[in-house]
Amino acid sequence: MARSKTPQGKRSSIGNAASVESAVADALPQIDPHRAELISLCRRYFVVRLELFGSAATGQFRTGESDLDFLVEFEPRPPCGYADAYFGLLESLEKLFGGSVDLVVDSAIRNPYFRQSVDETRALVYAA
C-alpha cells in the first residue's frame, strides 16, 4: 500500500482506487471530471506514476492564480523518447486543465528542502 503525507505532516494510506479518487477529489475537484482523460494521457506518455503536490494538493489552490504542480515518473525510455513523453505530457496537461502546469520528474529533485516540501503535500493521481 502506498503511503503519502497529509498537509499536517501525518501519513495517510493511499491504496485502493476508491481512496485514491477520494484523496484527489479532496485535493482538487477539477481533476475528478478529467479522470478518464488523465488515465489515457498517462498511458500514451508512458507514465508509471503521477502525483499532485503543492497548493492544489493542500486545498489552497486558487483558480486563475495558482498553477498545477505534478510529480511524474516515466517508464524507461530512450533519450529522444523521454523528451517526447515529457513535453507531450506537459502540453497535454496544460491543454486539459486550461492553465499553467509545472511537471517535475521525481528522480530529478536534488534539493532536500524542495524534496521535503513535495513529500509533505503529494497526492497520488495515477499509478500503472
Protein backbone atom coordinates (compact mmCIF):
# COMPACT_ATOMS: atom_id res chain seq x y z
CA MET A 1 0.00 0.00 0.00
CA ALA A 2 1.37 3.42 -0.96
CA ARG A 3 1.86 5.98 1.79
CA SER A 4 1.51 9.71 1.49
CA LYS A 5 1.90 12.58 3.94
CA THR A 6 -1.04 14.82 4.65
CA PRO A 7 -0.63 18.61 4.82
CA GLN A 8 -0.38 18.31 8.60
CA GLY A 9 2.65 16.03 8.19
CA LYS A 10 0.80 12.86 9.20
CA ARG A 11 0.95 9.80 6.98
CA SER A 12 -2.20 8.59 5.26
CA SER A 13 -2.67 5.42 3.28
CA ILE A 14 -3.49 5.59 -0.39
CA GLY A 15 -4.03 2.06 -1.56
CA ASN A 16 -7.23 1.16 -3.36
CA ALA A 17 -8.81 3.06 -6.23
CA ALA A 18 -11.61 4.47 -4.05
CA SER A 19 -9.22 6.02 -1.54
CA VAL A 20 -7.05 7.41 -4.36
CA GLU A 21 -10.07 9.02 -6.01
CA SER A 22 -11.25 10.40 -2.67
CA ALA A 23 -7.84 11.90 -1.84
CA VAL A 24 -7.55 13.50 -5.26
CA ALA A 25 -11.14 14.75 -5.24
CA ASP A 26 -10.48 16.42 -1.89
CA ALA A 27 -7.23 17.91 -3.18
CA LEU A 28 -8.53 19.34 -6.43
CA PRO A 29 -12.14 18.95 -7.56
CA GLN A 30 -11.19 19.91 -11.14
CA ILE A 31 -9.23 16.67 -11.57
CA ASP A 32 -12.08 14.23 -10.99
CA PRO A 33 -14.10 15.17 -14.12
CA HIS A 34 -10.95 14.54 -16.20
CA ARG A 35 -10.09 11.15 -14.68
CA ALA A 36 -10.56 9.19 -17.95
CA GLU A 37 -8.52 11.71 -19.96
CA LEU A 38 -5.74 11.67 -17.34
CA ILE A 39 -5.52 7.88 -17.43
CA SER A 40 -5.39 7.97 -21.22
CA LEU A 41 -2.61 10.61 -21.20
CA CYS A 42 -0.59 8.66 -18.65
CA ARG A 43 -0.77 5.53 -20.79
CA ARG A 44 0.01 7.42 -24.01
CA TYR A 45 3.10 9.08 -22.50
CA PHE A 46 4.43 6.01 -20.63
CA VAL A 47 3.78 7.35 -17.12
CA VAL A 48 4.39 4.93 -14.26
CA ARG A 49 3.21 7.34 -11.55
CA LEU A 50 1.65 10.82 -11.50
CA GLU A 51 1.11 12.79 -8.30
CA LEU A 52 -0.22 16.22 -7.48
CA PHE A 53 1.68 18.40 -5.00
CA GLY A 54 1.74 21.97 -3.76
CA SER A 55 -1.25 24.26 -3.35
CA ALA A 56 -3.65 22.06 -5.31
CA ALA A 57 -2.88 19.09 -3.07
CA THR A 58 -3.32 21.09 0.14
CA GLY A 59 -6.63 22.72 -0.72
CA GLN A 60 -5.05 26.16 -1.19
CA PHE A 61 -5.39 26.20 -4.98
CA ARG A 62 -6.75 29.49 -6.34
CA THR A 63 -8.27 29.34 -9.82
CA GLY A 64 -6.62 31.89 -12.07
CA GLU A 65 -3.71 32.45 -9.68
CA SER A 66 -2.21 29.02 -8.93
CA ASP A 67 -0.62 26.60 -11.33
CA LEU A 68 -0.95 22.83 -11.05
CA ASP A 69 2.15 21.02 -9.79
CA PHE A 70 2.57 17.42 -10.91
CA LEU A 71 5.29 14.95 -9.97
CA VAL A 72 5.91 12.31 -12.64
CA GLU A 73 7.79 9.07 -13.06
CA PHE A 74 8.14 7.62 -16.57
CA GLU A 75 8.85 4.13 -17.84
CA PRO A 76 12.46 3.82 -19.02
CA ARG A 77 12.70 5.49 -22.44
CA PRO A 78 15.43 6.17 -24.97
CA PRO A 79 16.66 9.80 -24.74
CA CYS A 80 14.57 11.08 -27.67
CA GLY A 81 11.52 9.16 -26.44
CA TYR A 82 11.91 10.62 -22.96
CA ALA A 83 11.80 14.21 -24.25
CA ASP A 84 8.75 13.43 -26.38
CA ALA A 85 6.99 11.87 -23.39
CA TYR A 86 7.84 14.75 -21.03
CA PHE A 87 6.90 17.61 -23.34
CA GLY A 88 3.91 15.76 -24.77
CA LEU A 89 2.52 15.15 -21.28
CA LEU A 90 3.23 18.73 -20.17
CA GLU A 91 1.46 20.24 -23.17
CA SER A 92 -1.46 17.81 -22.86
CA LEU A 93 -1.94 18.58 -19.14
CA GLU A 94 -1.94 22.33 -19.81
CA LYS A 95 -4.50 21.86 -22.56
CA LEU A 96 -6.67 19.54 -20.44
CA PHE A 97 -6.76 21.89 -17.44
CA GLY A 98 -6.63 25.15 -19.40
CA GLY A 99 -3.78 26.67 -17.42
CA SER A 100 -0.19 26.57 -16.33
CA VAL A 101 1.29 23.26 -15.23
CA ASP A 102 4.62 22.54 -13.57
CA LEU A 103 5.76 18.99 -14.35
CA VAL A 104 8.60 17.79 -12.14
CA VAL A 105 10.38 14.48 -12.69
CA ASP A 106 10.65 12.79 -9.31
CA SER A 107 14.19 11.49 -9.83
CA ALA A 108 15.41 14.98 -10.85
CA ILE A 109 14.76 16.54 -7.43
CA ARG A 110 18.13 17.19 -5.78
CA ASN A 111 17.31 19.97 -3.33
CA PRO A 112 16.46 18.39 0.07
CA TYR A 113 14.20 21.28 1.11
CA PHE A 114 12.21 21.07 -2.11
CA ARG A 115 12.06 17.27 -1.72
CA GLN A 116 10.65 17.64 1.79
CA SER A 117 8.03 20.13 0.61
CA VAL A 118 6.96 17.85 -2.23
CA ASP A 119 6.82 14.78 0.01
CA GLU A 120 4.64 16.58 2.56
CA THR A 121 1.95 17.53 0.03
CA ARG A 122 1.95 14.83 -2.66
CA ALA A 123 -1.29 13.07 -3.57
CA LEU A 124 -1.47 10.12 -5.94
CA VAL A 125 -3.35 10.74 -9.19
CA TYR A 126 -2.27 7.73 -11.31
CA ALA A 127 -0.19 4.59 -10.84
CA ALA A 128 0.34 2.00 -13.57
